[in-house]
N, C-alpha and C. Protein backbone atom coordinates (compact mmCIF):
# COMPACT_ATOMS: atom_id res chain seq x y z
N UNK A 1 74.03 -0.92 -25.32
CA UNK A 1 73.05 -1.24 -24.32
C UNK A 1 73.21 -2.70 -23.90
N UNK A 2 73.34 -2.94 -22.62
CA UNK A 2 73.57 -4.28 -22.10
C UNK A 2 72.26 -4.89 -21.61
N UNK A 3 72.08 -6.15 -21.88
CA UNK A 3 70.89 -6.85 -21.40
C UNK A 3 71.13 -7.36 -20.00
N UNK A 4 70.10 -7.31 -19.19
CA UNK A 4 70.19 -7.91 -17.86
C UNK A 4 70.07 -9.41 -18.00
N UNK A 5 70.85 -10.11 -17.25
CA UNK A 5 70.78 -11.56 -17.31
C UNK A 5 69.65 -12.05 -16.41
N UNK A 6 68.86 -12.92 -16.92
CA UNK A 6 67.79 -13.52 -16.13
C UNK A 6 66.61 -12.60 -15.89
N UNK A 7 66.47 -11.53 -16.63
CA UNK A 7 65.37 -10.58 -16.44
C UNK A 7 64.01 -11.20 -16.69
N UNK A 8 63.93 -12.04 -17.72
CA UNK A 8 62.67 -12.70 -18.02
C UNK A 8 62.31 -13.70 -16.94
N UNK A 9 63.29 -14.45 -16.50
CA UNK A 9 63.04 -15.46 -15.48
C UNK A 9 62.63 -14.84 -14.17
N UNK A 10 63.26 -13.72 -13.82
CA UNK A 10 62.89 -13.05 -12.56
C UNK A 10 61.46 -12.51 -12.64
N UNK A 11 61.08 -11.97 -13.80
CA UNK A 11 59.72 -11.47 -13.98
C UNK A 11 58.69 -12.59 -13.91
N UNK A 12 59.02 -13.71 -14.55
CA UNK A 12 58.11 -14.86 -14.53
C UNK A 12 57.99 -15.42 -13.12
N UNK A 13 59.12 -15.48 -12.41
CA UNK A 13 59.11 -15.98 -11.04
C UNK A 13 58.29 -15.06 -10.12
N UNK A 14 58.43 -13.76 -10.30
CA UNK A 14 57.67 -12.80 -9.49
C UNK A 14 56.17 -12.92 -9.79
N UNK A 15 55.82 -13.09 -11.06
CA UNK A 15 54.42 -13.26 -11.43
C UNK A 15 53.82 -14.53 -10.85
N UNK A 16 54.60 -15.61 -10.89
CA UNK A 16 54.15 -16.87 -10.32
C UNK A 16 53.97 -16.76 -8.81
N UNK A 17 54.88 -16.06 -8.15
CA UNK A 17 54.76 -15.86 -6.70
C UNK A 17 53.51 -15.04 -6.37
N UNK A 18 53.21 -14.03 -7.19
CA UNK A 18 52.01 -13.22 -6.97
C UNK A 18 50.74 -14.03 -7.15
N UNK A 19 50.70 -14.86 -8.18
CA UNK A 19 49.53 -15.72 -8.39
C UNK A 19 49.34 -16.71 -7.25
N UNK A 20 50.43 -17.27 -6.78
CA UNK A 20 50.35 -18.23 -5.67
C UNK A 20 49.83 -17.55 -4.41
N UNK A 21 50.36 -16.36 -4.12
CA UNK A 21 49.91 -15.63 -2.93
C UNK A 21 48.42 -15.29 -3.04
N UNK A 22 47.96 -14.90 -4.22
CA UNK A 22 46.55 -14.59 -4.41
C UNK A 22 45.66 -15.80 -4.23
N UNK A 23 46.10 -16.94 -4.76
CA UNK A 23 45.32 -18.17 -4.62
C UNK A 23 45.24 -18.62 -3.17
N UNK A 24 46.35 -18.55 -2.45
CA UNK A 24 46.35 -18.93 -1.03
C UNK A 24 45.46 -17.99 -0.23
N UNK A 25 45.53 -16.69 -0.50
CA UNK A 25 44.68 -15.72 0.20
C UNK A 25 43.20 -15.96 -0.06
N UNK A 26 42.85 -16.23 -1.31
CA UNK A 26 41.45 -16.50 -1.64
C UNK A 26 40.96 -17.77 -0.97
N UNK A 27 41.79 -18.80 -0.95
CA UNK A 27 41.40 -20.06 -0.30
C UNK A 27 41.18 -19.86 1.19
N UNK A 28 42.05 -19.11 1.83
CA UNK A 28 41.89 -18.85 3.27
C UNK A 28 40.64 -18.03 3.55
N UNK A 29 40.37 -17.05 2.70
CA UNK A 29 39.18 -16.21 2.88
C UNK A 29 37.91 -17.04 2.72
N UNK A 30 37.84 -17.88 1.71
CA UNK A 30 36.65 -18.71 1.50
C UNK A 30 36.48 -19.73 2.62
N UNK A 31 37.57 -20.27 3.09
CA UNK A 31 37.50 -21.26 4.16
C UNK A 31 36.97 -20.64 5.45
N UNK A 32 37.43 -19.44 5.76
CA UNK A 32 37.00 -18.77 6.99
C UNK A 32 35.55 -18.33 6.87
N UNK A 33 35.15 -17.86 5.70
CA UNK A 33 33.79 -17.35 5.51
C UNK A 33 32.75 -18.46 5.59
N UNK A 34 33.05 -19.65 5.12
CA UNK A 34 32.08 -20.73 5.06
C UNK A 34 32.04 -21.58 6.31
N UNK A 35 32.65 -21.16 7.39
CA UNK A 35 32.76 -21.96 8.61
C UNK A 35 31.44 -22.30 9.26
N UNK A 36 31.12 -21.67 10.37
CA UNK A 36 29.93 -22.00 11.16
C UNK A 36 28.67 -21.36 10.58
N UNK A 37 28.84 -20.45 9.66
CA UNK A 37 27.71 -19.71 9.11
C UNK A 37 26.96 -20.56 8.09
N UNK A 38 25.63 -20.52 8.11
CA UNK A 38 24.89 -21.26 7.10
C UNK A 38 24.74 -20.38 5.86
N UNK A 39 24.43 -21.00 4.75
CA UNK A 39 24.32 -20.26 3.50
C UNK A 39 23.10 -19.35 3.53
N UNK A 40 23.22 -18.20 2.89
CA UNK A 40 22.11 -17.26 2.81
C UNK A 40 21.62 -17.17 1.38
N UNK A 41 20.33 -17.02 1.24
CA UNK A 41 19.72 -16.89 -0.07
C UNK A 41 19.39 -15.43 -0.33
N UNK A 42 19.19 -15.08 -1.59
CA UNK A 42 18.78 -13.72 -1.90
C UNK A 42 17.29 -13.52 -1.62
N UNK A 43 16.57 -14.62 -1.39
CA UNK A 43 15.15 -14.54 -1.10
C UNK A 43 14.94 -14.60 0.41
N UNK A 44 14.31 -13.58 1.01
CA UNK A 44 14.21 -13.51 2.47
C UNK A 44 13.43 -14.66 3.11
N UNK A 45 12.48 -15.25 2.40
CA UNK A 45 11.70 -16.33 3.02
C UNK A 45 12.56 -17.57 3.27
N UNK A 46 13.65 -17.72 2.50
CA UNK A 46 14.54 -18.86 2.73
C UNK A 46 15.50 -18.60 3.89
N UNK A 47 15.71 -17.34 4.26
CA UNK A 47 16.65 -16.99 5.32
C UNK A 47 16.01 -16.99 6.71
N UNK A 48 14.72 -17.23 6.80
CA UNK A 48 14.06 -17.24 8.10
C UNK A 48 14.52 -18.42 8.93
N UNK A 49 14.60 -18.19 10.23
CA UNK A 49 14.90 -19.31 11.14
C UNK A 49 13.64 -20.14 11.28
N UNK A 50 13.79 -21.37 11.76
CA UNK A 50 12.65 -22.26 11.95
C UNK A 50 11.60 -21.62 12.84
N UNK A 51 12.00 -20.87 13.85
CA UNK A 51 11.04 -20.27 14.79
C UNK A 51 10.35 -19.04 14.22
N UNK A 52 10.85 -18.51 13.10
CA UNK A 52 10.27 -17.31 12.51
C UNK A 52 9.24 -17.62 11.43
N UNK A 53 8.88 -18.84 11.26
CA UNK A 53 7.92 -19.21 10.22
C UNK A 53 6.54 -18.67 10.56
N UNK A 54 5.78 -18.30 9.55
CA UNK A 54 4.45 -17.74 9.77
C UNK A 54 3.43 -18.84 10.06
N UNK A 55 3.74 -20.08 9.73
CA UNK A 55 2.82 -21.20 9.99
C UNK A 55 3.63 -22.41 10.44
N UNK A 56 2.97 -23.27 11.20
CA UNK A 56 3.60 -24.50 11.68
C UNK A 56 2.66 -25.67 11.43
N UNK A 57 3.19 -26.88 11.29
CA UNK A 57 2.32 -28.04 11.07
C UNK A 57 1.28 -28.17 12.19
N UNK A 58 0.04 -28.45 11.80
CA UNK A 58 -1.05 -28.60 12.76
C UNK A 58 -1.79 -27.31 13.04
N UNK A 59 -1.27 -26.20 12.60
CA UNK A 59 -1.87 -24.89 12.88
C UNK A 59 -3.01 -24.62 11.89
N UNK A 60 -4.16 -24.12 12.37
CA UNK A 60 -5.25 -23.78 11.45
C UNK A 60 -4.98 -22.45 10.73
N UNK A 61 -5.24 -22.40 9.44
CA UNK A 61 -5.11 -21.17 8.65
C UNK A 61 -6.40 -20.96 7.88
N UNK A 62 -6.75 -19.70 7.65
CA UNK A 62 -8.01 -19.36 6.98
C UNK A 62 -7.72 -18.59 5.70
N UNK A 63 -8.25 -19.09 4.57
CA UNK A 63 -8.09 -18.38 3.30
C UNK A 63 -8.81 -17.04 3.38
N UNK A 64 -8.30 -16.05 2.67
CA UNK A 64 -8.97 -14.74 2.61
C UNK A 64 -10.31 -14.91 1.90
N UNK A 65 -11.28 -14.11 2.31
CA UNK A 65 -12.64 -14.22 1.77
C UNK A 65 -12.67 -13.94 0.26
N UNK A 66 -11.76 -13.09 -0.23
CA UNK A 66 -11.75 -12.77 -1.67
C UNK A 66 -11.40 -14.00 -2.51
N UNK A 67 -10.66 -14.93 -1.93
CA UNK A 67 -10.25 -16.12 -2.68
C UNK A 67 -11.32 -17.21 -2.68
N UNK A 68 -12.19 -17.18 -1.68
CA UNK A 68 -13.28 -18.17 -1.60
C UNK A 68 -14.58 -17.44 -1.28
N UNK A 69 -15.11 -16.69 -2.23
CA UNK A 69 -16.34 -15.93 -1.95
C UNK A 69 -17.54 -16.85 -1.72
N UNK A 70 -18.41 -16.43 -0.83
CA UNK A 70 -19.62 -17.18 -0.54
C UNK A 70 -19.44 -18.32 0.44
N UNK A 71 -18.26 -18.48 0.99
CA UNK A 71 -18.04 -19.55 1.98
C UNK A 71 -17.83 -18.94 3.35
N UNK A 72 -18.29 -19.63 4.36
CA UNK A 72 -18.12 -19.13 5.73
C UNK A 72 -16.67 -19.31 6.17
N UNK A 73 -16.34 -18.68 7.28
CA UNK A 73 -14.98 -18.75 7.82
C UNK A 73 -14.59 -20.21 8.11
N UNK A 74 -15.53 -20.99 8.64
CA UNK A 74 -15.24 -22.39 8.96
C UNK A 74 -14.93 -23.20 7.69
N UNK A 75 -15.61 -22.87 6.59
CA UNK A 75 -15.37 -23.58 5.33
C UNK A 75 -14.04 -23.17 4.68
N UNK A 76 -13.52 -22.01 5.05
CA UNK A 76 -12.25 -21.52 4.50
C UNK A 76 -11.05 -21.86 5.37
N UNK A 77 -11.28 -22.54 6.50
CA UNK A 77 -10.21 -22.87 7.44
C UNK A 77 -9.72 -24.29 7.23
N UNK A 78 -8.39 -24.42 7.14
CA UNK A 78 -7.74 -25.71 6.94
C UNK A 78 -6.55 -25.82 7.88
N UNK A 79 -6.08 -27.05 8.06
CA UNK A 79 -4.92 -27.30 8.91
C UNK A 79 -3.67 -27.46 8.06
N UNK A 80 -2.54 -26.92 8.55
CA UNK A 80 -1.26 -27.02 7.86
C UNK A 80 -0.71 -28.43 8.06
N UNK A 81 -0.39 -29.10 6.96
CA UNK A 81 0.21 -30.44 7.04
C UNK A 81 1.74 -30.34 7.04
N UNK A 82 2.27 -29.42 6.23
CA UNK A 82 3.72 -29.32 6.09
C UNK A 82 4.10 -27.90 5.68
N UNK A 83 5.21 -27.40 6.19
CA UNK A 83 5.75 -26.11 5.78
C UNK A 83 6.98 -26.38 4.92
N UNK A 84 6.98 -25.87 3.69
CA UNK A 84 8.10 -26.07 2.78
C UNK A 84 9.22 -25.09 3.10
N UNK A 85 10.46 -25.35 2.67
CA UNK A 85 11.57 -24.44 2.95
C UNK A 85 11.35 -23.03 2.40
N UNK A 86 10.54 -22.91 1.36
CA UNK A 86 10.26 -21.60 0.77
C UNK A 86 9.28 -20.78 1.61
N UNK A 87 8.66 -21.40 2.63
CA UNK A 87 7.67 -20.70 3.44
C UNK A 87 6.25 -21.02 3.00
N UNK A 88 6.09 -21.67 1.86
CA UNK A 88 4.76 -22.08 1.41
C UNK A 88 4.30 -23.26 2.23
N UNK A 89 2.98 -23.49 2.27
CA UNK A 89 2.45 -24.58 3.09
C UNK A 89 1.64 -25.55 2.25
N UNK A 90 1.60 -26.80 2.69
CA UNK A 90 0.73 -27.82 2.13
C UNK A 90 -0.33 -28.08 3.19
N UNK A 91 -1.60 -28.08 2.77
CA UNK A 91 -2.70 -28.20 3.72
C UNK A 91 -3.28 -29.61 3.73
N UNK A 92 -3.87 -29.98 4.86
CA UNK A 92 -4.59 -31.25 4.97
C UNK A 92 -5.92 -31.10 4.24
N UNK A 93 -6.33 -32.09 3.49
CA UNK A 93 -7.62 -32.12 2.78
C UNK A 93 -7.79 -30.97 1.80
N UNK A 94 -6.69 -30.46 1.24
CA UNK A 94 -6.76 -29.40 0.24
C UNK A 94 -5.54 -29.53 -0.66
N UNK A 95 -5.73 -29.43 -1.96
CA UNK A 95 -4.63 -29.69 -2.89
C UNK A 95 -3.74 -28.47 -3.10
N UNK A 96 -2.51 -28.72 -3.50
CA UNK A 96 -1.56 -27.65 -3.85
C UNK A 96 -0.81 -27.10 -2.66
N UNK A 97 0.17 -26.23 -2.98
CA UNK A 97 0.89 -25.53 -1.93
C UNK A 97 0.51 -24.05 -2.01
N UNK A 98 0.52 -23.38 -0.89
CA UNK A 98 -0.04 -22.04 -0.80
C UNK A 98 0.91 -21.10 -0.06
N UNK A 99 0.89 -19.82 -0.46
CA UNK A 99 1.77 -18.81 0.12
C UNK A 99 1.04 -18.02 1.20
N UNK A 100 1.80 -17.34 2.01
CA UNK A 100 1.27 -16.58 3.14
C UNK A 100 0.22 -15.53 2.74
N UNK A 101 0.39 -14.79 1.63
CA UNK A 101 -0.62 -13.76 1.30
C UNK A 101 -2.01 -14.29 0.99
N UNK A 102 -2.15 -15.59 0.75
CA UNK A 102 -3.46 -16.17 0.45
C UNK A 102 -4.33 -16.30 1.70
N UNK A 103 -3.74 -16.13 2.87
CA UNK A 103 -4.46 -16.37 4.12
C UNK A 103 -4.67 -15.08 4.90
N UNK A 104 -5.67 -15.12 5.79
CA UNK A 104 -5.92 -13.98 6.67
C UNK A 104 -4.82 -13.89 7.71
N UNK A 105 -4.55 -12.68 8.19
CA UNK A 105 -3.55 -12.47 9.23
C UNK A 105 -4.04 -13.10 10.52
N UNK A 106 -3.11 -13.59 11.32
CA UNK A 106 -3.45 -14.17 12.61
C UNK A 106 -3.68 -13.03 13.59
N UNK A 107 -4.80 -13.10 14.32
CA UNK A 107 -5.11 -12.01 15.26
C UNK A 107 -4.62 -12.34 16.63
C-alpha cells in the first residue's frame, strides 16, 4: 500500500480554506445586516417609533380610579414630564416612573 504524498497538507489546506471562506461570509452577512437598520429589542415597547408613544411630554394623564380610590378625576390627573425609552413616564409633581396600564385610556 502506497502513501499519498502531501495528503495531510492538502487536507489541512482545504480545512483552512473552508474556515476562511466561512469567516468572510459571516463578516459580510453581519456587515450587511447592521447597515441602515436600527437594533431591535425583544421587548415591543422598546421597538416603538417616537411617534407611536402612548404619551408625550406635557400631555395630561389620569391614574385609574382603582389606584387612587376616593379622589376625583382632577386629583388623579398629572402632566407628563418625560417619556423613558421603555415607554414608562415620569410625571410633574409626582414621584416615580409609571407604566401605561396605570392610567385611564385616552378617549
